[in-house]
Amino acid sequence: MNRIKLRAIDTLPRALGMLSLVALLAACGGGGGMDNSQSSSNSVSSDAAKNLSANTAVTPNDSVTAMSAAVSTAETVVAAGLANVTIACPGGGTAVYQVTGPDASLLLNHQLDQGEDYTLTYNACSSASGAASVNGSLTLFVKTKTADSLELDMATNNVVVTLPHGDVTLNGSSTLTRTIQTAGSTTTTTTQWVTPNFSVTSNRNGRTTSFSYSNVDLTRTVVTTNGAVTSTSFSGTATLTWTWPGGSFAVTLATQGSVGCDADGTPTQGIWSITLPNDRITVTIVPGTVTIAVDYGNDGTIDRLYTFTVTDMMNNAG
């Protein structure tokens, strides 16, 4: 088999690590410098593998987390005031919304109801102290609503969500489905995010990367006990194309079951794969340790195996 070597990671643009991410899959190559139609590589360094795995771990989680925050903030705004007036958000900032719907008697009940259309504009709006801050505008249509579930068709326009590790900018149309189950003091919130195409810009660790999602089906689960987040996880599939000044790169992410994360979103347990045009990377995490297997040519043979601490890997995210 003929193989073409890639340059070492330290000679590539830093954004390549983000490129090879998903990106998420949540909780937890193109033009220019590289041609994504070329033969498989046999020179993926340990630094490259570490960077790819770190970004694969964080991007899917960050994307679904940001979408979830935009929705929960919308619910808080609607509950806090009337349509067409500026509302002071409970955690700071302001927002305004407009609503139309089939039942005029429900438009003033301060909650999202089936069949209603909303337009919201956020100005550094937070749903509570310490919650994500949201800027920008979005529209949402309430497809279905029950006591414990909600399905929305959404369109975001430069919605910027500030998360603990950086900002995520959301552009595009998607469907979000959320279920909430409570047992005693424990609440489990599951959010599924589906979209055929979507654009995201991530600003993390001082670096900004833009990429496009396609064929996205990602799910994030958050467990809280007595109001405090105790665990998160993400699962699903997505194809992403990253862009940077030198070119672009496309990969497909797929988790094997759920990837468990701690309250901060750092992965603690799970397996996911990154499929490149010619190669495949499998990432396996057990508490504290990550093992990265590289299969050149995607022929089922492991050609490189790397092991790091999870802390070391996550320090390379971005």
C-alpha atoms as a PDB file:
ATOM      1  CA  MET A   1       0.000   0.000   0.000  1.00  0.00           C
ATOM      2  CA  ASN A   2       1.388   3.403  -0.961  1.00  0.00           C
ATOM      3  CA  ARG A   3       1.427   5.876   1.901  1.00  0.00           C
ATOM      4  CA  ILE A   4       1.966   9.637   1.902  1.00  0.00           C
ATOM      5  CA  LYS A   5       3.451  11.183   5.010  1.00  0.00           C
ATOM      6  CA  LEU A   6       1.973  14.199   6.747  1.00  0.00           C
ATOM      7  CA  ARG A   7       4.181  16.900   8.133  1.00  0.00           C
ATOM      8  CA  ALA A   8       4.786  16.717  11.882  1.00  0.00           C
ATOM      9  CA  ILE A   9       2.136  18.459  13.930  1.00  0.00           C
ATOM     10  CA  ASP A  10       4.428  21.277  14.997  1.00  0.00           C
ATOM     11  CA  THR A  11       4.773  22.350  11.355  1.00  0.00           C
ATOM     12  CA  LEU A  12       1.026  22.404  10.723  1.00  0.00           C
ATOM     13  CA  PRO A  13      -1.395  25.196  11.561  1.00  0.00           C
ATOM     14  CA  ARG A  14      -2.533  24.923  15.174  1.00  0.00           C
ATOM     15  CA  ALA A  15      -6.119  24.737  13.983  1.00  0.00           C
ATOM     16  CA  LEU A  16      -5.460  21.307  12.455  1.00  0.00           C
ATOM     17  CA  GLY A  17      -6.098  19.833  15.885  1.00  0.00           C
ATOM     18  CA  MET A  18      -9.542  21.368  15.869  1.00  0.00           C
ATOM     19  CA  LEU A  19      -9.949  20.178  12.297  1.00  0.00           C
ATOM     20  CA  SER A  20      -9.542  16.580  13.134  1.00  0.00           C
ATOM     21  CA  LEU A  21     -12.083  16.714  15.893  1.00  0.00           C
ATOM     22  CA  VAL A  22     -15.502  15.556  15.304  1.00  0.00           C
ATOM     23  CA  ALA A  23     -17.981  17.535  17.541  1.00  0.00           C
ATOM     24  CA  LEU A  24     -20.267  17.064  19.461  1.00  0.00           C
ATOM     25  CA  LEU A  25     -20.106  15.095  19.550  1.00  0.00           C
ATOM     26  CA  ALA A  26     -22.163  16.897  25.059  1.00  0.00           C
ATOM     27  CA  ALA A  27     -21.685  17.761  29.062  1.00  0.00           C
ATOM     28  CA  CYS A  28     -18.901  15.499  28.177  1.00  0.00           C
ATOM     29  CA  GLY A  29      -8.449  16.926   5.232  1.00  0.00           C
ATOM     30  CA  GLY A  30      -9.381  20.135   1.410  1.00  0.00           C
ATOM     31  CA  GLY A  31      -7.404  22.910  -0.167  1.00  0.00           C
ATOM     32  CA  GLY A  32      -4.353  24.926   0.639  1.00  0.00           C
ATOM     33  CA  GLY A  33      -1.911  23.024   2.835  1.00  0.00           C
ATOM     34  CA  MET A  34      -3.551  19.582   2.582  1.00  0.00           C
ATOM     35  CA  ASP A  35      -5.550  17.560   0.042  1.00  0.00           C
ATOM     36  CA  ASN A  36      -8.235  15.409   1.635  1.00  0.00           C
ATOM     37  CA  SER A  37      -8.197  12.990  -1.303  1.00  0.00           C
ATOM     38  CA  GLN A  38      -4.607  11.891  -0.715  1.00  0.00           C
ATOM     39  CA  SER A  39      -3.530   8.438   0.428  1.00  0.00           C
ATOM     40  CA  SER A  40      -3.310   7.505   4.088  1.00  0.00           C
ATOM     41  CA  SER A  41      -0.651   8.947   6.356  1.00  0.00           C
ATOM     42  CA  ASN A  42       1.884   7.057   8.413  1.00  0.00           C
ATOM     43  CA  SER A  43       3.267   9.938  10.430  1.00  0.00           C
ATOM     44  CA  VAL A  44       0.567  10.969  12.943  1.00  0.00           C
ATOM     45  CA  SER A  45       2.704  12.071  15.870  1.00  0.00           C
ATOM     46  CA  SER A  46       1.803  11.731  19.525  1.00  0.00           C
ATOM     47  CA  ASP A  47       1.223  15.503  19.701  1.00  0.00           C
ATOM     48  CA  ALA A  48      -1.144  15.327  16.716  1.00  0.00           C
ATOM     49  CA  ALA A  49      -3.063  12.408  18.222  1.00  0.00           C
ATOM     50  CA  LYS A  50      -3.337  14.222  21.549  1.00  0.00           C
ATOM     51  CA  ASN A  51      -4.608  17.422  19.938  1.00  0.00           C
ATOM     52  CA  LEU A  52      -7.150  15.597  17.779  1.00  0.00           C
ATOM     53  CA  SER A  53      -8.509  13.645  20.716  1.00  0.00           C
ATOM     54  CA  ALA A  54      -8.764  16.694  22.963  1.00  0.00           C
ATOM     55  CA  ASN A  55     -10.808  18.645  20.472  1.00  0.00           C
ATOM     56  CA  THR A  56     -13.007  15.670  19.659  1.00  0.00           C
ATOM     57  CA  ALA A  57     -13.786  15.461  23.338  1.00  0.00           C
ATOM     58  CA  VAL A  58     -14.851  19.088  23.760  1.00  0.00           C
ATOM     59  CA  THR A  59     -16.465  20.296  20.523  1.00  0.00           C
ATOM     60  CA  PRO A  60     -19.620  18.113  20.475  1.00  0.00           C
ATOM     61  CA  ASN A  61     -20.257  18.823  24.142  1.00  0.00           C
ATOM     62  CA  ASP A  62     -19.736  22.573  23.703  1.00  0.00           C
ATOM     63  CA  SER A  63     -22.050  22.752  20.676  1.00  0.00           C
ATOM     64  CA  VAL A  64     -25.007  21.002  22.303  1.00  0.00           C
ATOM     65  CA  THR A  65     -24.365  22.833  25.574  1.00  0.00           C
ATOM     66  CA  ALA A  66     -24.569  26.175  23.774  1.00  0.00           C
ATOM     67  CA  MET A  67     -27.811  25.224  22.007  1.00  0.00           C
ATOM     68  CA  SER A  68     -29.296  24.062  25.311  1.00  0.00           C
ATOM     69  CA  ALA A  69     -28.301  27.330  26.980  1.00  0.00           C
ATOM     70  CA  ALA A  70     -29.985  29.355  24.233  1.00  0.00           C
ATOM     71  CA  VAL A  71     -33.233  27.441  24.861  1.00  0.00           C
ATOM     72  CA  SER A  72     -33.184  27.564  28.656  1.00  0.00           C
ATOM     73  CA  THR A  73     -32.438  31.296  28.476  1.00  0.00           C
ATOM     74  CA  ALA A  74     -35.424  31.752  26.142  1.00  0.00           C
ATOM     75  CA  GLU A  75     -37.682  29.998  28.652  1.00  0.00           C
ATOM     76  CA  THR A  76     -36.388  32.225  31.450  1.00  0.00           C
ATOM     77  CA  VAL A  77     -36.954  35.399  29.416  1.00  0.00           C
ATOM     78  CA  VAL A  78     -40.507  34.419  28.499  1.00  0.00           C
ATOM     79  CA  ALA A  79     -41.250  33.577  32.134  1.00  0.00           C
ATOM     80  CA  ALA A  80     -39.784  36.880  33.360  1.00  0.00           C
ATOM     81  CA  GLY A  81     -41.812  39.414  31.384  1.00  0.00           C
ATOM     82  CA  LEU A  82     -44.174  40.401  28.620  1.00  0.00           C
ATOM     83  CA  ALA A  83     -43.563  40.355  24.881  1.00  0.00           C
ATOM     84  CA  ASN A  84     -42.318  43.453  23.059  1.00  0.00           C
ATOM     85  CA  VAL A  85     -40.703  45.048  26.114  1.00  0.00           C
ATOM     86  CA  THR A  86     -37.113  44.924  27.335  1.00  0.00           C
ATOM     87  CA  ILE A  87     -36.727  42.352  30.094  1.00  0.00           C
ATOM     88  CA  ALA A  88     -34.000  42.296  32.728  1.00  0.00           C
ATOM     89  CA  CYS A  89     -32.550  38.785  32.745  1.00  0.00           C
ATOM     90  CA  PRO A  90     -32.244  37.159  36.206  1.00  0.00           C
ATOM     91  CA  GLY A  91     -28.504  36.553  35.840  1.00  0.00           C
ATOM     92  CA  GLY A  92     -27.714  39.882  34.158  1.00  0.00           C
ATOM     93  CA  GLY A  93     -28.181  41.477  30.761  1.00  0.00           C
ATOM     94  CA  THR A  94     -31.440  42.080  28.906  1.00  0.00           C
ATOM     95  CA  ALA A  95     -33.640  40.501  26.272  1.00  0.00           C
ATOM     96  CA  VAL A  96     -36.786  41.144  24.278  1.00  0.00           C
ATOM     97  CA  TYR A  97     -39.134  38.709  22.571  1.00  0.00           C
ATOM     98  CA  GLN A  98     -42.122  38.576  20.245  1.00  0.00           C
ATOM     99  CA  VAL A  99     -44.616  35.706  20.099  1.00  0.00           C
ATOM    100  CA  THR A 100     -47.497  34.564  17.914  1.00  0.00           C
ATOM    101  CA  GLY A 101     -49.591  31.445  18.285  1.00  0.00           C
ATOM    102  CA  PRO A 102     -52.867  29.678  17.541  1.00  0.00           C
ATOM    103  CA  ASP A 103     -54.371  30.256  20.995  1.00  0.00           C
ATOM    104  CA  ALA A 104     -54.434  33.916  22.075  1.00  0.00           C
ATOM    105  CA  SER A 105     -55.318  32.939  25.636  1.00  0.00           C
ATOM    106  CA  LEU A 106     -51.950  31.170  26.025  1.00  0.00           C
ATOM    107  CA  LEU A 107     -49.759  33.980  24.721  1.00  0.00           C
ATOM    108  CA  LEU A 108     -49.683  35.684  28.112  1.00  0.00           C
ATOM    109  CA  ASN A 109     -49.017  32.614  30.274  1.00  0.00           C
ATOM    110  CA  HIS A 110     -45.222  33.131  30.250  1.00  0.00           C
ATOM    111  CA  GLN A 111     -44.314  29.684  28.951  1.00  0.00           C
ATOM    112  CA  LEU A 112     -43.597  28.020  25.628  1.00  0.00           C
ATOM    113  CA  ASP A 113     -46.709  26.306  24.257  1.00  0.00           C
ATOM    114  CA  GLN A 114     -47.203  24.010  21.288  1.00  0.00           C
ATOM    115  CA  GLY A 115     -47.723  25.877  18.022  1.00  0.00           C
ATOM    116  CA  GLU A 116     -46.183  29.156  19.204  1.00  0.00           C
ATOM    117  CA  ASP A 117     -43.547  31.082  17.236  1.00  0.00           C
ATOM    118  CA  TYR A 118     -40.952  33.148  19.096  1.00  0.00           C
ATOM    119  CA  THR A 119     -38.319  35.670  18.078  1.00  0.00           C
ATOM    120  CA  LEU A 120     -35.803  36.544  20.799  1.00  0.00           C
ATOM    121  CA  THR A 121     -32.952  39.022  20.932  1.00  0.00           C
ATOM    122  CA  TYR A 122     -30.403  38.625  23.726  1.00  0.00           C
ATOM    123  CA  ASN A 123     -27.998  41.213  25.104  1.00  0.00           C
ATOM    124  CA  ALA A 124     -25.553  39.430  27.456  1.00  0.00           C
ATOM    125  CA  CYS A 125     -28.574  37.675  28.936  1.00  0.00           C
ATOM    126  CA  SER A 126     -28.078  35.007  31.609  1.00  0.00           C
ATOM    127  CA  SER A 127     -30.879  32.860  32.970  1.00  0.00           C
ATOM    128  CA  ALA A 128     -29.317  32.841  36.463  1.00  0.00           C
ATOM    129  CA  SER A 129     -26.204  33.945  38.304  1.00  0.00           C
ATOM    130  CA  GLY A 130     -23.272  31.978  36.914  1.00  0.00           C
ATOM    131  CA  ALA A 131     -25.245  30.631  33.957  1.00  0.00           C
ATOM    132  CA  ALA A 132     -24.122  30.959  30.339  1.00  0.00           C
ATOM    133  CA  SER A 133     -24.376  34.445  28.856  1.00  0.00           C
ATOM    134  CA  VAL A 134     -26.192  34.680  25.506  1.00  0.00           C
ATOM    135  CA  ASN A 135     -25.992  37.366  22.808  1.00  0.00           C
ATOM    136  CA  GLY A 136     -27.673  37.562  19.401  1.00  0.00           C
ATOM    137  CA  SER A 137     -31.049  36.597  18.012  1.00  0.00           C
ATOM    138  CA  LEU A 138     -32.948  33.404  17.338  1.00  0.00           C
ATOM    139  CA  THR A 139     -36.350  32.177  16.276  1.00  0.00           C
ATOM    140  CA  LEU A 140     -38.017  29.059  17.571  1.00  0.00           C
ATOM    141  CA  PHE A 141     -41.202  27.187  16.795  1.00  0.00           C
ATOM    142  CA  VAL A 142     -42.670  24.920  19.467  1.00  0.00           C
ATOM    143  CA  LYS A 143     -43.464  21.677  17.605  1.00  0.00           C
ATOM    144  CA  THR A 144     -44.551  19.671  20.634  1.00  0.00           C
ATOM    145  CA  LYS A 145     -44.805  20.335  24.349  1.00  0.00           C
ATOM    146  CA  THR A 146     -45.676  18.009  27.250  1.00  0.00           C
ATOM    147  CA  ALA A 147     -45.102  18.176  30.977  1.00  0.00           C
ATOM    148  CA  ASP A 148     -41.607  16.682  30.641  1.00  0.00           C
ATOM    149  CA  SER A 149     -40.622  17.147  26.989  1.00  0.00           C
ATOM    150  CA  LEU A 150     -40.143  19.898  24.436  1.00  0.00           C
ATOM    151  CA  GLU A 151     -39.386  19.799  20.699  1.00  0.00           C
ATOM    152  CA  LEU A 152     -38.316  22.981  18.913  1.00  0.00           C
ATOM    153  CA  ASP A 153     -37.426  24.029  15.390  1.00  0.00           C
ATOM    154  CA  MET A 154     -34.780  26.732  15.788  1.00  0.00           C
ATOM    155  CA  ALA A 155     -32.845  29.215  13.680  1.00  0.00           C
ATOM    156  CA  THR A 156     -29.886  31.021  15.258  1.00  0.00           C
ATOM    157  CA  ASN A 157     -28.298  34.167  13.837  1.00  0.00           C
ATOM    158  CA  ASN A 158     -24.869  34.913  15.304  1.00  0.00           C
ATOM    159  CA  VAL A 159     -25.946  33.685  18.715  1.00  0.00           C
ATOM    160  CA  VAL A 160     -22.863  33.827  20.933  1.00  0.00           C
ATOM    161  CA  VAL A 161     -22.962  31.681  24.071  1.00  0.00           C
ATOM    162  CA  THR A 162     -20.272  32.202  26.693  1.00  0.00           C
ATOM    163  CA  LEU A 163     -19.356  28.904  28.358  1.00  0.00           C
ATOM    164  CA  PRO A 164     -16.795  28.294  31.145  1.00  0.00           C
ATOM    165  CA  HIS A 165     -14.047  27.399  28.632  1.00  0.00           C
ATOM    166  CA  GLY A 166     -14.828  29.956  25.910  1.00  0.00           C
ATOM    167  CA  ASP A 167     -17.408  31.284  23.457  1.00  0.00           C
ATOM    168  CA  VAL A 168     -19.432  29.355  20.879  1.00  0.00           C
ATOM    169  CA  THR A 169     -21.136  31.203  17.993  1.00  0.00           C
ATOM    170  CA  LEU A 170     -24.155  29.452  16.451  1.00  0.00           C
ATOM    171  CA  ASN A 171     -25.520  29.987  12.931  1.00  0.00           C
ATOM    172  CA  GLY A 172     -28.105  27.832  11.212  1.00  0.00           C
ATOM    173  CA  SER A 173     -31.344  25.901  11.507  1.00  0.00           C
ATOM    174  CA  SER A 174     -31.824  22.799  13.621  1.00  0.00           C
ATOM    175  CA  THR A 175     -34.236  20.760  15.714  1.00  0.00           C
ATOM    176  CA  LEU A 176     -33.763  20.388  19.452  1.00  0.00           C
ATOM    177  CA  THR A 177     -35.635  17.859  21.586  1.00  0.00           C
ATOM    178  CA  ARG A 178     -35.392  17.916  25.373  1.00  0.00           C
ATOM    179  CA  THR A 179     -36.754  15.594  28.040  1.00  0.00           C
ATOM    180  CA  ILE A 180     -36.564  16.091  31.808  1.00  0.00           C
ATOM    181  CA  GLN A 181     -36.976  13.255  34.306  1.00  0.00           C
ATOM    182  CA  THR A 182     -36.955  13.763  38.067  1.00  0.00           C
ATOM    183  CA  ALA A 183     -36.536  11.111  40.755  1.00  0.00           C
ATOM    184  CA  GLY A 184     -36.336  12.513  44.262  1.00  0.00           C
ATOM    185  CA  SER A 185     -33.543  15.090  44.381  1.00  0.00           C
ATOM    186  CA  THR A 186     -32.023  13.955  41.059  1.00  0.00           C
ATOM    187  CA  THR A 187     -32.987  15.435  37.701  1.00  0.00           C
ATOM    188  CA  THR A 188     -31.821  14.059  34.345  1.00  0.00           C
ATOM    189  CA  THR A 189     -32.043  16.391  31.349  1.00  0.00           C
ATOM    190  CA  THR A 190     -31.482  14.855  27.909  1.00  0.00           C
ATOM    191  CA  THR A 191     -31.078  17.113  24.872  1.00  0.00           C
ATOM    192  CA  GLN A 192     -30.916  15.814  21.296  1.00  0.00           C
ATOM    193  CA  TRP A 193     -29.683  18.196  18.600  1.00  0.00           C
ATOM    194  CA  VAL A 194     -30.284  17.325  14.930  1.00  0.00           C
ATOM    195  CA  THR A 195     -29.376  19.364  11.848  1.00  0.00           C
ATOM    196  CA  PRO A 196     -28.400  18.645   8.229  1.00  0.00           C
ATOM    197  CA  ASN A 197     -26.068  21.655   8.127  1.00  0.00           C
ATOM    198  CA  PHE A 198     -24.845  24.146  10.697  1.00  0.00           C
ATOM    199  CA  SER A 199     -22.026  26.655  11.199  1.00  0.00           C
ATOM    200  CA  VAL A 200     -20.156  27.060  14.483  1.00  0.00           C
ATOM    201  CA  THR A 201     -17.253  29.258  15.535  1.00  0.00           C
ATOM    202  CA  SER A 202     -15.413  28.227  18.669  1.00  0.00           C
ATOM    203  CA  ASN A 203     -13.177  30.524  20.717  1.00  0.00           C
ATOM    204  CA  ARG A 204     -11.285  28.376  23.201  1.00  0.00           C
ATOM    205  CA  ASN A 205      -7.922  28.841  24.895  1.00  0.00           C
ATOM    206  CA  GLY A 206      -7.422  32.089  22.989  1.00  0.00           C
ATOM    207  CA  ARG A 207      -7.788  30.430  19.572  1.00  0.00           C
ATOM    208  CA  THR A 208     -10.701  30.884  17.160  1.00  0.00           C
ATOM    209  CA  THR A 209     -11.757  28.085  14.800  1.00  0.00           C
ATOM    210  CA  SER A 210     -14.664  28.050  12.336  1.00  0.00           C
ATOM    211  CA  PHE A 211     -16.181  24.838  11.077  1.00  0.00           C
ATOM    212  CA  SER A 212     -19.329  23.454   9.477  1.00  0.00           C
ATOM    213  CA  TYR A 213     -21.424  20.561  10.713  1.00  0.00           C
ATOM    214  CA  SER A 214     -23.379  18.190   8.482  1.00  0.00           C
ATOM    215  CA  ASN A 215     -25.502  15.129   9.241  1.00  0.00           C
ATOM    216  CA  VAL A 216     -25.575  15.971  12.938  1.00  0.00           C
ATOM    217  CA  ASP A 217     -27.347  13.808  15.508  1.00  0.00           C
ATOM    218  CA  LEU A 218     -25.850  14.542  18.938  1.00  0.00           C
ATOM    219  CA  THR A 219     -27.289  13.999  22.405  1.00  0.00           C
ATOM    220  CA  ARG A 220     -26.144  15.491  25.704  1.00  0.00           C
ATOM    221  CA  THR A 221     -27.319  14.313  29.123  1.00  0.00           C
ATOM    222  CA  VAL A 222     -26.931  16.315  32.332  1.00  0.00           C
ATOM    223  CA  VAL A 223     -27.596  14.896  35.785  1.00  0.00           C
ATOM    224  CA  THR A 224     -28.149  17.266  38.715  1.00  0.00           C
ATOM    225  CA  THR A 225     -28.622  16.400  42.369  1.00  0.00           C
ATOM    226  CA  ASN A 226     -30.041  19.006  44.727  1.00  0.00           C
ATOM    227  CA  GLY A 227     -29.504  21.553  41.958  1.00  0.00           C
ATOM    228  CA  ALA A 228     -25.799  20.816  41.428  1.00  0.00           C
ATOM    229  CA  VAL A 229     -24.461  19.166  38.246  1.00  0.00           C
ATOM    230  CA  THR A 230     -22.992  15.779  39.128  1.00  0.00           C
ATOM    231  CA  SER A 231     -22.285  14.385  35.653  1.00  0.00           C
ATOM    232  CA  THR A 232     -22.696  14.977  31.938  1.00  0.00           C
ATOM    233  CA  SER A 233     -22.340  12.775  28.877  1.00  0.00           C
ATOM    234  CA  PHE A 234     -22.622  13.011  25.104  1.00  0.00           C
ATOM    235  CA  SER A 235     -23.224  10.587  22.251  1.00  0.00           C
ATOM    236  CA  GLY A 236     -24.005  10.522  18.545  1.00  0.00           C
ATOM    237  CA  THR A 237     -22.523  11.228  15.149  1.00  0.00           C
ATOM    238  CA  ALA A 238     -21.583  14.255  13.028  1.00  0.00           C
ATOM    239  CA  THR A 239     -19.433  15.200  10.064  1.00  0.00           C
ATOM    240  CA  LEU A 240     -17.399  18.381  10.370  1.00  0.00           C
ATOM    241  CA  THR A 241     -15.387  20.478   7.982  1.00  0.00           C
ATOM    242  CA  TRP A 242     -12.912  22.894   9.512  1.00  0.00           C
ATOM    243  CA  THR A 243     -11.584  25.938   7.746  1.00  0.00           C
ATOM    244  CA  TRP A 244      -8.409  27.876   8.430  1.00  0.00           C
ATOM    245  CA  PRO A 245      -6.203  30.197   6.322  1.00  0.00           C
ATOM    246  CA  GLY A 246      -4.385  27.299   4.644  1.00  0.00           C
ATOM    247  CA  GLY A 247      -7.254  25.034   3.670  1.00  0.00           C
ATOM    248  CA  SER A 248      -9.902  22.686   5.031  1.00  0.00           C
ATOM    249  CA  PHE A 249     -10.366  19.187   6.358  1.00  0.00           C
ATOM    250  CA  ALA A 250     -13.368  16.855   6.850  1.00  0.00           C
ATOM    251  CA  VAL A 251     -13.859  14.164   9.499  1.00  0.00           C
ATOM    252  CA  THR A 252     -16.726  12.096  10.866  1.00  0.00           C
ATOM    253  CA  LEU A 253     -17.203  11.500  14.583  1.00  0.00           C
ATOM    254  CA  ALA A 254     -19.118   8.566  16.086  1.00  0.00           C
ATOM    255  CA  THR A 255     -19.324   7.600  19.735  1.00  0.00           C
ATOM    256  CA  GLN A 256     -19.647   4.005  20.895  1.00  0.00           C
ATOM    257  CA  GLY A 257     -22.439   4.473  23.385  1.00  0.00           C
ATOM    258  CA  SER A 258     -22.130   7.522  25.627  1.00  0.00           C
ATOM    259  CA  VAL A 259     -18.958   9.352  26.588  1.00  0.00           C
ATOM    260  CA  GLY A 260     -19.176  10.175  30.273  1.00  0.00           C
ATOM    261  CA  CYS A 261     -17.903  13.511  31.574  1.00  0.00           C
ATOM    262  CA  ASP A 262     -17.596  15.229  34.927  1.00  0.00           C
ATOM    263  CA  ALA A 263     -19.535  18.358  35.854  1.00  0.00           C
ATOM    264  CA  ASP A 264     -16.942  20.480  34.017  1.00  0.00           C
ATOM    265  CA  GLY A 265     -17.320  18.553  30.766  1.00  0.00           C
ATOM    266  CA  THR A 266     -13.981  16.732  31.013  1.00  0.00           C
ATOM    267  CA  PRO A 267     -14.360  13.154  29.684  1.00  0.00           C
ATOM    268  CA  THR A 268     -14.001  10.390  32.242  1.00  0.00           C
ATOM    269  CA  GLN A 269     -15.115   7.226  30.422  1.00  0.00           C
ATOM    270  CA  GLY A 270     -15.996   6.259  26.868  1.00  0.00           C
ATOM    271  CA  ILE A 271     -14.963   5.458  23.305  1.00  0.00           C
ATOM    272  CA  TRP A 272     -15.312   7.418  20.072  1.00  0.00           C
ATOM    273  CA  SER A 273     -13.905   7.214  16.566  1.00  0.00           C
ATOM    274  CA  ILE A 274     -12.682   9.864  14.140  1.00  0.00           C
ATOM    275  CA  THR A 275     -12.917   8.773  10.494  1.00  0.00           C
ATOM    276  CA  LEU A 276     -10.764  10.712   8.040  1.00  0.00           C
ATOM    277  CA  PRO A 277     -10.915  10.290   4.247  1.00  0.00           C
ATOM    278  CA  ASN A 278      -8.395   7.425   4.432  1.00  0.00           C
ATOM    279  CA  ASP A 279      -7.561   6.755   8.079  1.00  0.00           C
ATOM    280  CA  ARG A 280      -9.340   6.107  11.367  1.00  0.00           C
ATOM    281  CA  ILE A 281      -8.563   7.095  14.956  1.00  0.00           C
ATOM    282  CA  THR A 282     -10.183   5.453  17.983  1.00  0.00           C
ATOM    283  CA  VAL A 283     -10.087   7.227  21.348  1.00  0.00           C
ATOM    284  CA  THR A 284     -10.674   5.253  24.552  1.00  0.00           C
ATOM    285  CA  ILE A 285     -10.910   6.908  27.970  1.00  0.00           C
ATOM    286  CA  VAL A 286     -10.946   5.302  31.391  1.00  0.00           C
ATOM    287  CA  PRO A 287     -10.714   7.417  34.546  1.00  0.00           C
ATOM    288  CA  GLY A 288      -7.561   9.510  34.258  1.00  0.00           C
ATOM    289  CA  THR A 289      -6.129   7.849  31.138  1.00  0.00           C
ATOM    290  CA  VAL A 290      -6.713   8.132  27.381  1.00  0.00           C
ATOM    291  CA  THR A 291      -5.524   5.602  24.781  1.00  0.00           C
ATOM    292  CA  ILE A 292      -5.450   6.640  21.112  1.00  0.00           C
ATOM    293  CA  ALA A 293      -5.257   3.992  18.372  1.00  0.00           C
ATOM    294  CA  VAL A 294      -4.378   5.067  14.807  1.00  0.00           C
ATOM    295  CA  ASP A 295      -5.349   2.855  11.860  1.00  0.00           C
ATOM    296  CA  TYR A 296      -3.648   4.009   8.641  1.00  0.00           C
ATOM    297  CA  GLY A 297      -5.784   3.073   5.652  1.00  0.00           C
ATOM    298  CA  ASN A 298      -8.751   2.150   7.874  1.00  0.00           C
ATOM    299  CA  ASP A 299      -8.036  -1.548   7.267  1.00  0.00           C
ATOM    300  CA  GLY A 300      -8.629  -2.745  10.824  1.00  0.00           C
ATOM    301  CA  THR A 301      -4.939  -2.824  11.784  1.00  0.00           C
ATOM    302  CA  ILE A 302      -3.670  -0.596  14.598  1.00  0.00           C
ATOM    303  CA  ASP A 303      -0.491   1.071  13.334  1.00  0.00           C
ATOM    304  CA  ARG A 304       0.176   3.496  16.208  1.00  0.00           C
ATOM    305  CA  LEU A 305      -0.891   3.463  19.849  1.00  0.00           C
ATOM    306  CA  TYR A 306      -0.506   6.444  22.217  1.00  0.00           C
ATOM    307  CA  THR A 307      -1.352   6.792  25.915  1.00  0.00           C
ATOM    308  CA  PHE A 308      -1.700  10.040  27.893  1.00  0.00           C
ATOM    309  CA  THR A 309      -3.302  11.318  31.047  1.00  0.00           C
ATOM    310  CA  VAL A 310      -6.688  12.947  30.477  1.00  0.00           C
ATOM    311  CA  THR A 311      -5.319  16.191  31.957  1.00  0.00           C
ATOM    312  CA  ASP A 312      -2.450  16.208  29.484  1.00  0.00           C
ATOM    313  CA  MET A 313      -4.813  15.580  26.586  1.00  0.00           C
ATOM    314  CA  MET A 314      -7.319  18.267  27.602  1.00  0.00           C
ATOM    315  CA  ASN A 315      -4.533  20.842  27.938  1.00  0.00           C
ATOM    316  CA  ASN A 316      -4.212  20.524  24.141  1.00  0.00           C
ATOM    317  CA  ALA A 317      -7.831  21.409  23.387  1.00  0.00           C
ATOM    318  CA  GLY A 318      -8.277  24.350  21.032  1.00  0.00           C
END
